Protein backbone atom coordinates (compact mmCIF):
# COMPACT_ATOMS: atom_id res chain seq x y z
CA MET A 1 128.36 -42.55 43.27
CA LYS A 2 127.00 -45.21 45.58
CA ASN A 3 129.00 -48.41 45.52
CA ASP A 4 126.00 -50.43 44.28
CA SER A 5 124.83 -48.05 41.53
CA ILE A 6 127.60 -49.27 39.21
CA PHE A 7 125.72 -52.58 38.87
CA LYS A 8 122.37 -51.14 37.73
CA ASP A 9 121.19 -53.06 34.64
CA LYS A 10 124.63 -54.67 34.26
CA VAL A 11 125.71 -58.23 33.52
CA VAL A 12 128.35 -59.32 36.05
CA LEU A 13 130.53 -62.40 35.61
CA ILE A 14 132.30 -63.78 38.70
CA THR A 15 134.86 -66.56 38.38
CA GLY A 16 135.47 -68.99 41.24
CA VAL A 17 132.33 -67.71 42.88
CA THR A 18 130.92 -70.85 44.50
CA GLY A 19 133.13 -70.51 47.58
CA PHE A 20 132.46 -68.63 50.84
CA VAL A 21 133.43 -65.12 49.70
CA GLY A 22 131.84 -65.67 46.29
CA GLN A 23 128.49 -66.40 47.89
CA ALA A 24 128.82 -63.23 49.98
CA ILE A 25 129.44 -61.26 46.77
CA ILE A 26 126.38 -62.81 45.12
CA ASN A 27 124.11 -62.19 48.11
CA THR A 28 125.16 -58.54 48.18
CA LEU A 29 124.83 -58.13 44.41
CA LEU A 30 121.29 -59.51 44.52
CA LYS A 31 120.34 -56.56 46.73
CA THR A 32 121.24 -54.19 43.88
CA GLU A 33 119.57 -53.61 40.52
CA VAL A 34 122.00 -55.91 38.73
CA LYS A 35 120.55 -57.42 35.55
CA THR A 36 122.32 -60.80 35.53
CA ILE A 37 125.00 -62.56 37.56
CA ARG A 38 127.01 -65.21 35.74
CA VAL A 39 128.37 -67.78 38.18
CA PHE A 40 131.49 -69.32 36.62
CA SER A 41 133.09 -72.32 38.33
CA ARG A 42 134.38 -75.78 37.43
CA ASP A 43 132.70 -77.47 40.42
CA GLU A 44 129.24 -78.63 39.31
CA VAL A 45 128.43 -79.94 42.79
CA LYS A 46 128.90 -76.46 44.27
CA HIS A 47 126.80 -75.05 41.43
CA PHE A 48 123.99 -77.43 42.39
CA LYS A 49 124.25 -76.57 46.08
CA MET A 50 124.13 -72.86 45.30
CA GLN A 51 121.07 -73.36 43.08
CA GLU A 52 119.34 -75.08 45.98
CA LYS A 53 120.36 -72.37 48.43
CA ILE A 54 119.87 -69.17 46.40
CA LYS A 55 116.65 -68.82 44.41
CA ASP A 56 116.87 -65.87 42.03
CA SER A 57 116.12 -65.70 38.31
CA ARG A 58 119.05 -63.31 37.74
CA LEU A 59 121.61 -66.06 38.36
CA ARG A 60 123.14 -67.97 35.44
CA TYR A 61 125.29 -71.02 36.23
CA LEU A 62 128.22 -71.59 33.88
CA VAL A 63 130.38 -74.66 34.42
CA GLY A 64 133.90 -74.00 33.19
CA ASP A 65 137.56 -73.66 34.09
CA VAL A 66 139.63 -70.48 33.75
CA ARG A 67 142.34 -72.69 32.24
CA ASP A 68 140.11 -73.11 29.16
CA SER A 69 140.53 -69.90 27.16
CA GLU A 70 137.67 -70.61 24.73
CA ARG A 71 135.22 -71.30 27.56
CA VAL A 72 136.32 -68.17 29.41
CA LEU A 73 135.80 -66.04 26.29
CA GLN A 74 132.36 -67.57 25.81
CA ALA A 75 131.46 -66.82 29.43
CA VAL A 76 132.74 -63.23 29.32
CA ARG A 77 131.16 -62.26 26.01
CA GLY A 78 128.27 -59.85 26.59
CA ALA A 79 129.15 -59.10 30.21
CA ASP A 80 129.83 -55.60 31.55
CA ILE A 81 131.84 -56.29 34.72
CA VAL A 82 134.16 -59.19 35.59
CA ILE A 83 135.27 -60.13 39.10
CA HIS A 84 138.07 -62.70 38.96
CA ALA A 85 138.16 -64.78 42.15
CA ALA A 86 139.06 -68.21 40.74
CA ALA A 87 142.34 -69.55 42.12
CA MET A 88 144.08 -72.47 43.72
CA LYS A 89 144.37 -71.12 47.26
CA ARG A 90 145.75 -73.86 49.51
CA ILE A 91 149.38 -73.00 50.26
CA ASP A 92 150.35 -76.63 50.81
CA MET A 93 148.60 -77.86 47.67
CA VAL A 94 150.21 -75.23 45.43
CA GLU A 95 153.60 -75.74 47.07
CA TYR A 96 153.64 -79.39 46.04
CA ASN A 97 151.73 -78.91 42.77
CA ILE A 98 153.28 -75.71 41.43
CA THR A 99 152.58 -76.40 37.76
CA GLU A 100 148.88 -76.77 38.55
CA GLY A 101 148.97 -73.52 40.52
CA ILE A 102 150.54 -71.77 37.54
CA LYS A 103 147.91 -73.15 35.17
CA THR A 104 145.05 -71.75 37.27
CA ASN A 105 146.46 -68.68 39.00
CA VAL A 106 148.70 -67.35 36.23
CA LEU A 107 147.57 -68.77 32.89
CA GLY A 108 143.94 -68.70 33.99
CA THR A 109 144.29 -65.02 34.86
CA MET A 110 145.82 -64.36 31.45
CA ASN A 111 142.80 -66.05 29.86
CA VAL A 112 140.42 -63.83 31.84
CA VAL A 113 142.30 -60.65 30.88
CA LYS A 114 142.42 -61.65 27.21
CA ALA A 115 138.68 -62.38 27.20
CA CYS A 116 137.95 -59.02 28.86
CA MET A 117 139.97 -57.19 26.22
CA GLU A 118 138.41 -59.05 23.30
CA SER A 119 134.91 -58.45 24.68
CA GLY A 120 135.44 -54.80 25.66
CA ILE A 121 134.39 -55.29 29.28
CA GLU A 122 133.86 -52.05 31.22
CA ARG A 123 135.66 -53.09 34.41
CA ALA A 124 137.63 -56.12 35.57
CA LEU A 125 138.79 -56.71 39.14
CA LEU A 126 141.20 -59.31 40.49
CA ILE A 127 140.77 -60.61 44.03
CA SER A 128 144.25 -61.09 45.45
CA THR A 129 145.73 -61.96 48.85
CA ASP A 130 148.25 -60.80 51.42
CA LYS A 131 150.32 -63.84 50.35
CA ALA A 132 151.17 -61.90 47.15
CA CYS A 133 153.08 -59.30 49.17
CA MET A 134 156.74 -60.34 49.56
CA PRO A 135 155.86 -63.96 48.69
CA ILE A 136 157.86 -66.84 50.12
CA ASN A 137 155.63 -69.63 48.81
CA SER A 138 154.48 -70.77 45.39
CA TYR A 139 150.88 -69.68 45.98
CA GLY A 140 151.96 -66.14 46.86
CA ALA A 141 154.27 -66.01 43.84
CA THR A 142 151.46 -67.04 41.48
CA LYS A 143 149.11 -64.43 42.96
CA LEU A 144 151.80 -61.75 42.66
CA LEU A 145 152.04 -62.60 38.96
CA ALA A 146 148.25 -62.50 38.69
CA GLU A 147 148.32 -58.97 40.17
CA ARG A 148 151.01 -57.92 37.71
CA ILE A 149 149.03 -59.37 34.78
CA PHE A 150 145.95 -57.34 35.74
CA ILE A 151 147.79 -54.11 36.52
CA GLU A 152 150.09 -54.22 33.48
CA SER A 153 147.14 -54.99 31.22
CA ASN A 154 145.71 -51.60 32.06
CA TYR A 155 148.60 -50.06 30.10
CA SER A 156 148.96 -52.58 27.27
CA LYS A 157 145.29 -52.76 26.30
CA GLY A 158 145.49 -50.27 23.44
CA LYS A 159 142.03 -48.87 22.67
CA CYS A 160 140.28 -51.46 24.83
CA PRO A 161 138.02 -49.61 27.34
CA THR A 162 138.45 -52.10 30.20
CA VAL A 163 139.58 -50.66 33.54
CA PHE A 164 141.75 -53.28 35.25
CA SER A 165 142.42 -53.14 39.02
CA ALA A 166 142.86 -55.43 42.02
CA VAL A 167 142.06 -55.81 45.70
CA ARG A 168 144.33 -57.44 48.27
CA TYR A 169 143.24 -58.55 51.75
CA GLY A 170 143.91 -61.06 54.55
CA ASN A 171 142.18 -64.08 56.08
CA VAL A 172 138.39 -64.04 55.72
CA LEU A 173 136.63 -65.04 58.94
CA GLU A 174 134.73 -68.36 58.76
CA SER A 175 135.69 -68.97 55.12
CA THR A 176 136.07 -72.53 53.85
CA GLY A 177 139.35 -74.02 55.04
CA SER A 178 140.17 -71.05 57.30
CA ILE A 179 141.58 -71.48 60.78
CA ILE A 180 138.60 -70.46 62.91
CA PRO A 181 136.20 -73.28 61.87
CA ILE A 182 139.07 -75.72 62.39
CA PHE A 183 139.82 -74.30 65.84
CA LYS A 184 136.13 -74.41 66.80
CA GLU A 185 135.85 -78.05 65.80
CA LYS A 186 138.91 -79.04 67.82
CA LEU A 187 137.79 -77.09 70.89
CA SER A 188 134.26 -78.51 70.74
CA LYS A 189 135.69 -82.04 70.80
CA ASN A 190 138.27 -81.22 73.48
CA LEU A 191 141.08 -82.10 71.07
CA PRO A 192 144.52 -80.44 70.84
CA VAL A 193 144.46 -77.33 68.66
CA PRO A 194 147.28 -77.50 66.08
CA LEU A 195 149.44 -74.39 65.72
CA THR A 196 152.60 -74.07 63.67
CA ASN A 197 154.19 -71.29 65.75
CA ARG A 198 153.06 -69.45 68.88
CA GLU A 199 154.27 -66.08 67.56
CA MET A 200 152.18 -66.31 64.39
CA THR A 201 149.96 -63.34 63.47
CA ARG A 202 147.38 -62.85 60.73
CA PHE A 203 145.20 -60.06 59.31
CA LEU A 204 141.46 -60.71 59.71
CA ILE A 205 138.56 -59.45 57.59
CA THR A 206 134.85 -60.23 57.60
CA SER A 207 133.22 -61.43 54.39
CA GLN A 208 131.05 -58.30 54.26
CA LYS A 209 134.06 -55.99 54.60
CA ALA A 210 135.74 -57.92 51.77
CA VAL A 211 132.64 -57.41 49.60
CA ASP A 212 132.54 -53.70 50.48
CA LEU A 213 136.18 -53.39 49.40
CA ILE A 214 135.45 -55.13 46.09
CA PHE A 215 132.51 -52.84 45.35
CA ALA A 216 134.47 -49.71 46.33
CA ALA A 217 137.39 -50.68 44.10
CA LEU A 218 135.09 -51.25 41.12
CA VAL A 219 133.53 -47.82 41.60
CA LYS A 220 136.66 -45.79 42.40
CA SER A 221 139.35 -47.34 40.21
CA GLY A 222 140.85 -45.30 37.41
CA GLY A 223 142.92 -48.30 36.33
CA GLY A 224 146.07 -50.04 37.49
CA GLU A 225 145.60 -49.75 41.25
CA ILE A 226 145.59 -52.24 44.11
CA PHE A 227 143.03 -51.44 46.82
CA ILE A 228 143.80 -52.66 50.35
CA PRO A 229 141.51 -52.38 53.39
CA LYS A 230 142.64 -50.90 56.68
CA LEU A 231 142.68 -53.99 58.87
CA LYS A 232 143.86 -55.05 62.27
CA SER A 233 145.60 -58.33 62.96
CA ALA A 234 145.71 -60.88 65.76
CA LYS A 235 148.05 -63.37 67.35
CA ILE A 236 146.76 -66.84 66.57
CA THR A 237 147.18 -67.85 70.22
CA ASP A 238 144.91 -64.95 71.22
CA ILE A 239 142.28 -66.12 68.71
CA ILE A 240 142.37 -69.64 70.17
CA ASP A 241 142.16 -68.37 73.76
CA THR A 242 139.25 -66.06 72.87
CA LEU A 243 137.34 -68.87 71.14
CA ALA A 244 137.94 -71.20 74.10
CA THR A 245 136.60 -68.58 76.53
CA LYS A 246 133.49 -68.05 74.39
CA MET A 247 132.91 -71.81 74.15
CA GLY A 248 133.49 -72.34 77.86
CA CYS A 249 136.39 -74.73 77.46
CA ARG A 250 140.13 -74.83 77.86
CA ALA A 251 142.52 -74.69 74.90
CA ASN A 252 145.27 -77.26 74.57
CA ILE A 253 147.60 -75.85 71.91
CA GLU A 254 149.81 -78.35 70.10
CA ASN A 255 152.86 -76.87 68.38
CA ILE A 256 153.25 -78.76 65.08
CA GLY A 257 156.01 -76.66 63.50
CA ILE A 258 156.15 -74.38 60.46
CA ARG A 259 154.83 -75.93 57.25
CA PRO A 260 156.54 -75.42 53.87
CA GLY A 261 155.80 -71.95 52.52
CA GLU A 262 154.29 -70.58 55.74
CA LYS A 263 155.13 -67.18 57.24
CA ILE A 264 155.18 -66.15 60.90
CA HIS A 265 153.76 -62.73 59.96
CA GLU A 266 151.94 -61.57 56.81
CA ALA A 267 152.14 -58.17 55.12
CA LEU A 268 149.60 -56.29 53.03
CA MET A 269 152.13 -53.72 51.73
CA ASN A 270 155.92 -53.78 51.58
CA ASP A 271 158.15 -50.76 52.12
CA ASP A 272 158.37 -49.93 48.41
CA GLU A 273 154.57 -50.02 48.04
CA CYS A 274 154.15 -47.87 51.15
CA ARG A 275 156.34 -45.16 49.62
CA ARG A 276 153.98 -44.97 46.63
CA ALA A 277 150.67 -45.61 48.42
CA TYR A 278 147.82 -43.26 49.24
CA GLU A 279 145.21 -43.65 51.91
CA THR A 280 141.60 -42.71 52.55
CA ASP A 281 139.60 -43.25 55.73
CA GLU A 282 138.99 -46.90 54.82
CA HIS A 283 141.62 -47.97 52.28
CA PHE A 284 145.21 -47.89 51.17
CA ILE A 285 145.60 -47.55 47.40
CA ILE A 286 148.75 -48.46 45.49
CA PRO A 287 148.94 -46.90 42.01
CA SER A 288 150.92 -48.88 39.47
CA ARG A 289 154.56 -47.86 39.10
CA ILE A 290 153.82 -47.63 35.37
CA GLU A 291 151.65 -44.63 36.29
CA GLU A 292 154.86 -42.56 36.37
CA TYR A 293 155.10 -42.93 32.62
CA GLN A 294 151.43 -42.32 31.87
CA LYS A 295 149.62 -39.01 31.44
CA GLY A 296 146.00 -38.02 31.88
CA ILE A 297 144.89 -40.92 34.10
CA ASN A 298 141.81 -39.97 36.11
CA TYR A 299 141.83 -41.38 39.62
CA PRO A 300 138.38 -40.72 41.18
CA TRP A 301 139.73 -41.44 44.67
CA LYS A 302 142.68 -39.03 44.61
CA GLU A 303 140.84 -35.88 45.74
CA LYS A 304 140.04 -37.49 49.10
CA ALA A 305 143.31 -39.39 49.48
CA LYS A 306 146.69 -38.46 50.91
CA PRO A 307 150.11 -40.12 50.74
CA THR A 308 150.38 -42.70 53.48
CA LYS A 309 152.90 -42.28 56.28
CA ILE A 310 153.29 -45.90 57.28
CA THR A 311 156.48 -47.63 56.15
CA CYS A 312 155.30 -51.25 56.25
CA TYR A 313 151.91 -52.88 56.72
CA SER A 314 152.73 -56.06 58.65
CA SER A 315 150.44 -58.23 60.77
CA ASN A 316 152.98 -57.94 63.58
CA ASP A 317 152.42 -54.18 63.88
CA PHE A 318 148.62 -53.82 64.01
CA LEU A 319 147.67 -56.33 66.70
CA MET A 320 144.25 -56.35 68.37
CA ALA A 321 143.71 -56.94 72.07
CA LYS A 322 141.70 -60.01 73.08
CA LYS A 323 138.65 -57.81 73.73
CA GLU A 324 138.73 -56.58 70.12
CA ILE A 325 139.17 -60.13 68.86
CA GLY A 326 136.10 -61.16 70.84
CA GLU A 327 134.07 -58.39 69.23
CA ILE A 328 135.10 -59.32 65.67
CA LEU A 329 134.32 -63.00 66.38
CA GLU A 330 130.76 -62.22 67.49
């Protein structure tokens, strides 16, 4: 099955879709034979900007908040596929406003799952983050719970037909609030580039590769899995140096110290997940531990997958050279 054939004549609802990755999802979906795309977000200004930017009669703009269970149910009713991207994502904001993070990232996810079950949605996918793996901050903890809510729901849904699964990936290049636009701005103005620690590493993914992962997970999931792309990582100092070279300037890095909740290195799988994970040419796939107690689950990906041999998937172990960084930043 082609990754876009699953959308033929379907109604797709995407929460939190007015951001950078959400727009990439929409632009790719519009190239398929999708029937309708429901854009669900609480930010009416971003809705307006998207309406001005993307002209397509298949788009429906729904203003609403995932915290509002009745509005979520109304938005989901009649849809076929749900992609749940809505979240509070700023580590610092969630760290100091944890109850708000819980309301959106945890309770909001519960509202989405409940609406999917009540409406009999075919497939529902959560977009997660590397911060959910071995979390040390409030944002990561809320996203870990969101993952658990989606995965566990696959086994507590009763006769509901919905297939629940998740994807987990790293920093999206050029996304809103990401480091590269910030670095470019500082370098262009010959200002010091702020860096919390010179040893810091991060996984990098392009928006298109993130969309490809989302589509693949929707097609291949049998229920209860987390799909993770095979990515390389980079030292942040190497990213800054590469950008400075491309821009023809010199980088002045200012060490500002670790912020609350920040890691030196990120991980996309921990050692326990690696022991249970499978891999294909492009992805790692973590079946739910609850799978051990289930029978007759059909995993479409398993014929072409094999148990992975890696023991931890850390950004400190898959570093790119500066030449590779330059190529991915093109």
